[in-house]
Amino acid sequence: MRIIENISNKINDKTVICLGSFDGLHRGHKTLIENVIKEAKQEGLKSAVFTFSNHPASIISNREEPKLLINNNHKTEILKKLGVDYLIMIPFSTEFMKMEPEDFVKNILVDNLKVQRIVVGFNYRFGYKGRGDTDLLKKLSEKYGFEVEIVSPIKYNGEIISSTVIRNLISEGNIKKANKYLDRYFSIEGKVIHGKKRGKGMGFPTANIDLNSNYIVPKLGVYKTETIYNSSKYDSVTSVGMNPTFENGEDISIETYLLNFDKNIYDEDIRINFIKHLRNEIKFQSKDELVRQMTLDVENAIK
């Protein structure tokens, strides 16, 4: 997969391009992209995904930037596995924001990326102040000689899948349903940092991660998880919370206990896959009571 990070770059291959922010890269997004890959192969063209390295809301004033469901590293990894030929992942800038819809289509998609077909969701908008929509895209396709395919909302068990719905499910602790909508485990990546080493003193040494504040944070509590370190997977139990037994702070920490693991991984990156919510956060009356509960958490996680 070739990655293009500069909007002015040109390619020589004719393409079928899927346009969108793909902020969740969920089951619906994957279905759309897989169709693009299939169509491109059938027609002897190259498949491409056009998206942004930052969310447009980070540039557009008066719009709150949604919390991350996936980072760019993981997004790139998934798209590569799907078999996308070109990933155009550019920064959404003030300059790009001010581009007129027709300029985007003519100068970028037609001239630089040699688009033959564009595939978008039913509510796709583009260009300055969102002036471009699917109706305009169809008109421009006649003018510049490409095809347009408008995809209806993707449903799972009768429910429309959206990144907003998935964020709400994660915030509510409904990880199992969120994972079904994502078609993968919801995960958080981060660098392992030094904590207060309380877990080690209780026989449960944990890896604390430096939490990117842009990630959506699951409901506070304890989760059955799977931790990936150095391409290997380890069963784990992860606490998302404020350590109420020991302190009354406001900072959320994410600590994971990896089963059958004894390596020193400070300053290294790990990915925590959330599988199931085990229990809510509890303030215990003593350290011994907490240790007993942590033992039960581990037992419940490996059932």
Protein backbone atom coordinates (compact mmCIF):
# COMPACT_ATOMS: atom_id res chain seq x y z
CA MET A 1 0.00 0.00 0.00
CA ARG A 2 1.36 3.39 -1.00
CA ILE A 3 0.70 6.22 1.44
CA ILE A 4 0.30 9.78 0.14
CA GLU A 5 0.52 12.58 2.69
CA ASN A 6 0.79 15.59 0.36
CA ILE A 7 -2.32 16.79 -1.42
CA SER A 8 -0.31 17.96 -4.45
CA ASN A 9 1.18 14.51 -5.14
CA LYS A 10 0.15 12.89 -8.41
CA ILE A 11 -0.18 9.21 -9.24
CA ASN A 12 -0.09 7.40 -12.57
CA ASP A 13 -2.76 4.77 -11.90
CA LYS A 14 -6.47 5.20 -12.59
CA THR A 15 -8.41 4.79 -9.36
CA VAL A 16 -11.64 3.96 -7.58
CA ILE A 17 -11.66 6.25 -4.55
CA CYS A 18 -13.57 6.02 -1.31
CA LEU A 19 -13.97 9.41 0.40
CA GLY A 20 -14.60 10.01 4.10
CA SER A 21 -13.16 10.85 7.49
CA PHE A 22 -13.38 7.20 8.61
CA ASP A 23 -12.87 8.36 12.19
CA GLY A 24 -13.96 5.00 13.56
CA LEU A 25 -13.07 2.71 10.66
CA HIS A 26 -16.01 0.61 11.84
CA ARG A 27 -17.93 -2.23 10.22
CA GLY A 28 -19.83 0.17 7.95
CA HIS A 29 -16.65 1.90 6.77
CA LYS A 30 -14.97 -1.45 6.14
CA THR A 31 -17.92 -2.68 4.06
CA LEU A 32 -17.68 0.43 1.90
CA ILE A 33 -13.91 0.11 1.48
CA GLU A 34 -14.05 -3.61 0.73
CA ASN A 35 -16.54 -2.87 -2.07
CA VAL A 36 -14.12 -0.30 -3.52
CA ILE A 37 -11.29 -2.85 -3.47
CA LYS A 38 -13.49 -5.46 -5.16
CA GLU A 39 -14.72 -3.07 -7.85
CA ALA A 40 -11.22 -1.77 -8.57
CA LYS A 41 -9.88 -5.29 -9.09
CA GLN A 42 -12.77 -6.23 -11.37
CA GLU A 43 -12.13 -3.20 -13.58
CA GLY A 44 -8.33 -3.33 -13.57
CA LEU A 45 -8.06 -0.13 -11.54
CA LYS A 46 -6.38 0.73 -8.24
CA SER A 47 -8.29 1.15 -4.99
CA ALA A 48 -7.79 4.28 -2.91
CA VAL A 49 -9.02 5.71 0.38
CA PHE A 50 -8.97 9.49 0.79
CA THR A 51 -9.09 10.67 4.40
CA PHE A 52 -7.42 13.02 6.86
CA SER A 53 -4.66 12.62 9.43
CA ASN A 54 -6.61 14.92 11.78
CA HIS A 55 -10.33 15.35 12.24
CA PRO A 56 -11.77 18.36 10.32
CA ALA A 57 -13.39 19.54 13.56
CA SER A 58 -9.88 20.26 14.90
CA ILE A 59 -9.62 23.12 12.37
CA ILE A 60 -13.22 24.25 11.91
CA SER A 61 -14.12 26.78 14.58
CA ASN A 62 -17.10 26.22 16.88
CA ARG A 63 -16.95 22.48 16.37
CA GLU A 64 -15.90 20.09 19.11
CA GLU A 65 -13.41 17.47 17.99
CA PRO A 66 -14.79 13.95 18.64
CA LYS A 67 -12.78 11.57 20.75
CA LEU A 68 -10.61 9.03 18.96
CA LEU A 69 -11.85 5.51 18.32
CA ILE A 70 -8.65 4.62 16.48
CA ASN A 71 -5.31 6.31 15.88
CA ASN A 72 -3.66 6.77 12.49
CA ASN A 73 -1.14 4.01 13.10
CA HIS A 74 -3.84 1.41 13.71
CA LYS A 75 -6.02 2.79 10.89
CA THR A 76 -3.15 2.44 8.42
CA GLU A 77 -2.48 -1.10 9.63
CA ILE A 78 -6.11 -2.15 9.04
CA LEU A 79 -6.33 -0.57 5.59
CA LYS A 80 -3.13 -2.28 4.54
CA LYS A 81 -4.51 -5.65 5.66
CA LEU A 82 -7.72 -5.01 3.72
CA GLY A 83 -5.65 -4.63 0.57
CA VAL A 84 -6.05 -0.93 -0.27
CA ASP A 85 -3.60 0.16 -3.00
CA TYR A 86 -3.41 3.86 -2.10
CA LEU A 87 -4.04 5.59 1.22
CA ILE A 88 -4.27 9.34 0.79
CA MET A 89 -4.05 10.62 4.36
CA ILE A 90 -3.45 14.35 4.38
CA PRO A 91 -3.67 17.00 7.09
CA PHE A 92 -6.97 18.89 7.14
CA SER A 93 -5.72 22.47 7.10
CA THR A 94 -7.25 25.95 6.88
CA GLU A 95 -6.16 26.07 3.24
CA PHE A 96 -7.91 22.79 2.47
CA MET A 97 -10.99 23.88 4.40
CA LYS A 98 -11.37 26.92 2.12
CA MET A 99 -11.16 24.89 -1.09
CA GLU A 100 -14.28 25.11 -3.22
CA PRO A 101 -16.04 21.78 -3.90
CA GLU A 102 -15.39 21.80 -7.64
CA ASP A 103 -11.71 22.67 -7.13
CA PHE A 104 -11.32 19.66 -4.86
CA VAL A 105 -12.92 17.34 -7.40
CA LYS A 106 -11.16 18.76 -10.48
CA ASN A 107 -7.69 19.59 -9.13
CA ILE A 108 -7.23 16.79 -6.61
CA LEU A 109 -9.42 13.82 -7.49
CA VAL A 110 -9.47 14.09 -11.28
CA ASP A 111 -6.09 15.66 -12.11
CA ASN A 112 -3.87 14.28 -9.34
CA LEU A 113 -5.52 10.98 -8.45
CA LYS A 114 -7.02 10.03 -11.85
CA VAL A 115 -10.33 9.01 -10.33
CA GLN A 116 -12.67 6.88 -12.46
CA ARG A 117 -15.25 6.20 -9.77
CA ILE A 118 -15.98 7.81 -6.42
CA VAL A 119 -17.71 5.92 -3.62
CA VAL A 120 -19.17 7.89 -0.70
CA GLY A 121 -21.68 7.54 2.09
CA PHE A 122 -25.18 8.96 1.67
CA ASN A 123 -24.46 12.01 3.86
CA TYR A 124 -21.01 12.89 2.51
CA ARG A 125 -20.21 16.61 2.26
CA PHE A 126 -17.09 18.33 0.98
CA GLY A 127 -15.58 21.68 0.09
CA TYR A 128 -15.77 25.08 1.75
CA LYS A 129 -18.49 25.20 4.42
CA GLY A 130 -19.70 21.78 3.28
CA ARG A 131 -21.19 23.23 0.11
CA GLY A 132 -20.57 20.02 -1.77
CA ASP A 133 -22.94 17.07 -1.35
CA THR A 134 -23.81 13.91 -3.24
CA ASP A 135 -26.06 15.79 -5.69
CA LEU A 136 -23.23 18.13 -6.64
CA LEU A 137 -20.87 15.17 -6.89
CA LYS A 138 -23.18 13.55 -9.45
CA LYS A 139 -23.28 16.76 -11.51
CA LEU A 140 -19.50 17.06 -11.44
CA SER A 141 -19.16 13.42 -12.46
CA GLU A 142 -20.96 14.21 -15.71
CA LYS A 143 -18.74 17.23 -16.30
CA TYR A 144 -15.42 15.49 -15.59
CA GLY A 145 -16.18 11.96 -16.72
CA PHE A 146 -16.20 9.72 -13.65
CA GLU A 147 -18.84 7.58 -11.96
CA VAL A 148 -20.36 8.10 -8.51
CA GLU A 149 -21.68 5.45 -6.15
CA ILE A 150 -23.72 6.55 -3.13
CA VAL A 151 -23.81 3.99 -0.33
CA SER A 152 -26.80 3.74 2.02
CA PRO A 153 -26.29 3.49 5.81
CA ILE A 154 -24.81 0.16 6.87
CA LYS A 155 -26.85 -1.70 9.47
CA TYR A 156 -25.97 -4.48 11.88
CA ASN A 157 -28.86 -6.50 13.31
CA GLY A 158 -31.20 -3.79 12.07
CA GLU A 159 -29.33 -0.88 13.68
CA ILE A 160 -27.44 1.83 11.79
CA ILE A 161 -23.73 1.82 12.59
CA SER A 162 -22.08 5.16 13.29
CA SER A 163 -18.99 6.38 15.10
CA THR A 164 -21.17 8.45 17.43
CA VAL A 165 -23.20 5.40 18.47
CA ILE A 166 -19.99 3.44 19.08
CA ARG A 167 -18.53 6.21 21.24
CA ASN A 168 -21.68 6.20 23.34
CA LEU A 169 -21.53 2.43 23.76
CA ILE A 170 -17.91 2.62 24.92
CA SER A 171 -18.70 5.42 27.37
CA GLU A 172 -21.50 3.27 28.78
CA GLY A 173 -19.18 0.28 29.20
CA ASN A 174 -21.01 -1.75 26.54
CA ILE A 175 -17.75 -2.93 25.02
CA LYS A 176 -19.12 -6.16 23.57
CA LYS A 177 -21.68 -4.35 21.45
CA ALA A 178 -19.19 -1.64 20.47
CA ASN A 179 -16.79 -4.34 19.29
CA LYS A 180 -19.50 -5.87 17.10
CA TYR A 181 -20.11 -2.49 15.48
CA LEU A 182 -16.37 -1.92 15.04
CA ASP A 183 -15.83 -5.47 13.72
CA ARG A 184 -12.73 -5.60 15.92
CA TYR A 185 -11.77 -4.98 19.54
CA PHE A 186 -11.85 -1.36 20.66
CA SER A 187 -8.26 -0.61 21.60
CA ILE A 188 -6.15 2.08 23.20
CA GLU A 189 -2.46 2.48 22.43
CA GLY A 190 0.07 4.20 24.62
CA LYS A 191 3.55 4.25 26.06
CA VAL A 192 4.15 2.45 29.35
CA ILE A 193 5.02 4.94 32.07
CA HIS A 194 6.11 4.68 35.70
CA GLY A 195 3.19 4.55 38.12
CA LYS A 196 3.08 4.36 41.90
CA LYS A 197 3.90 0.63 41.87
CA ARG A 198 1.00 -0.25 44.20
CA GLY A 199 0.02 -3.18 41.99
CA LYS A 200 3.46 -4.73 42.20
CA GLY A 201 3.36 -4.50 45.99
CA MET A 202 0.06 -6.44 45.97
CA GLY A 203 1.29 -9.15 43.61
CA PHE A 204 -0.34 -7.65 40.51
CA PRO A 205 2.29 -5.55 38.71
CA THR A 206 0.53 -3.35 36.17
CA ALA A 207 1.63 -1.48 33.07
CA ASN A 208 0.36 2.09 33.25
CA ILE A 209 -0.04 3.79 29.89
CA ASP A 210 0.40 7.42 29.04
CA LEU A 211 -3.15 8.12 27.94
CA ASN A 212 -3.68 10.25 24.85
CA SER A 213 -6.35 12.67 26.02
CA ASN A 214 -7.99 12.52 22.58
CA TYR A 215 -9.03 8.86 23.01
CA ILE A 216 -12.57 8.02 23.99
CA VAL A 217 -12.25 6.54 27.49
CA PRO A 218 -14.40 3.54 28.46
CA LYS A 219 -16.69 3.70 31.46
CA LEU A 220 -14.70 3.53 34.68
CA GLY A 221 -14.24 -0.02 35.85
CA VAL A 222 -12.36 -3.26 35.27
CA TYR A 223 -12.21 -5.02 31.91
CA LYS A 224 -11.18 -8.31 30.43
CA THR A 225 -8.58 -7.32 27.87
CA GLU A 226 -5.88 -8.56 25.56
CA THR A 227 -2.62 -6.65 25.51
CA ILE A 228 -0.35 -6.60 22.47
CA TYR A 229 3.34 -6.03 23.06
CA ASN A 230 6.01 -6.50 20.43
CA SER A 231 3.48 -8.29 18.15
CA SER A 232 2.64 -10.87 20.86
CA LYS A 233 -0.76 -11.14 22.58
CA TYR A 234 -1.21 -11.59 26.34
CA ASP A 235 -4.39 -12.14 28.33
CA SER A 236 -4.83 -9.21 30.67
CA VAL A 237 -7.09 -7.40 33.11
CA THR A 238 -7.30 -3.63 32.78
CA SER A 239 -8.50 -1.01 35.25
CA VAL A 240 -9.85 2.30 33.97
CA GLY A 241 -10.32 4.60 36.93
CA MET A 242 -9.15 7.01 39.58
CA ASN A 243 -7.84 4.57 42.20
CA PRO A 244 -10.50 5.54 44.79
CA THR A 245 -9.16 3.09 47.40
CA PHE A 246 -5.91 5.08 47.67
CA GLU A 247 -6.65 8.60 46.48
CA ASN A 248 -9.39 11.02 45.56
CA GLY A 249 -7.91 12.58 42.45
CA GLU A 250 -9.59 13.52 39.20
CA ASP A 251 -7.07 12.04 36.77
CA ILE A 252 -8.10 8.84 35.02
CA SER A 253 -5.46 6.17 34.75
CA ILE A 254 -5.37 3.02 32.64
CA GLU A 255 -3.46 0.14 34.21
CA THR A 256 -3.25 -3.35 32.78
CA TYR A 257 -2.09 -6.55 34.45
CA LEU A 258 -0.64 -8.97 31.90
CA LEU A 259 -0.98 -12.63 32.83
CA ASN A 260 2.14 -14.82 32.58
CA PHE A 261 4.33 -11.82 31.83
CA ASP A 262 7.42 -10.56 33.64
CA LYS A 263 9.25 -8.23 31.23
CA ASN A 264 10.27 -4.64 31.96
CA ILE A 265 8.46 -2.60 29.28
CA TYR A 266 8.76 0.96 30.56
CA ASP A 267 8.83 3.53 27.73
CA GLU A 268 7.60 0.96 25.22
CA ASP A 269 4.31 1.03 23.33
CA ILE A 270 1.48 -1.42 23.96
CA ARG A 271 -2.03 -1.81 22.57
CA ILE A 272 -4.85 -2.81 24.91
CA ASN A 273 -7.81 -4.56 23.28
CA PHE A 274 -10.99 -4.25 25.37
CA ILE A 275 -13.06 -7.43 25.32
CA LYS A 276 -15.60 -7.29 28.15
CA HIS A 277 -16.62 -5.05 31.07
CA LEU A 278 -16.19 -7.10 34.27
CA ARG A 279 -17.30 -4.69 36.98
CA ASN A 280 -17.62 -1.03 37.95
CA GLU A 281 -14.94 0.83 39.88
CA ILE A 282 -15.19 0.22 43.63
CA LYS A 283 -13.66 1.95 46.65
CA PHE A 284 -12.44 -0.78 49.01
CA GLN A 285 -12.03 -0.42 52.76
CA SER A 286 -8.62 -2.08 52.85
CA LYS A 287 -5.76 -3.23 50.64
CA ASP A 288 -6.52 -6.88 51.49
CA GLU A 289 -10.09 -6.46 50.29
CA LEU A 290 -8.78 -4.99 47.03
CA VAL A 291 -6.34 -7.89 46.56
CA ARG A 292 -9.15 -10.41 47.00
CA GLN A 293 -11.23 -8.63 44.38
CA MET A 294 -8.29 -8.40 41.95
CA THR A 295 -7.81 -12.16 42.30
CA LEU A 296 -11.48 -12.64 41.41
CA ASP A 297 -11.12 -10.24 38.45
CA VAL A 298 -8.31 -12.34 37.03
CA GLU A 299 -10.32 -15.53 37.52
CA ASN A 300 -13.32 -13.98 35.77
CA ALA A 301 -11.19 -12.74 32.91
CA ILE A 302 -9.78 -16.17 32.07
CA LYS A 303 -13.08 -18.07 32.24
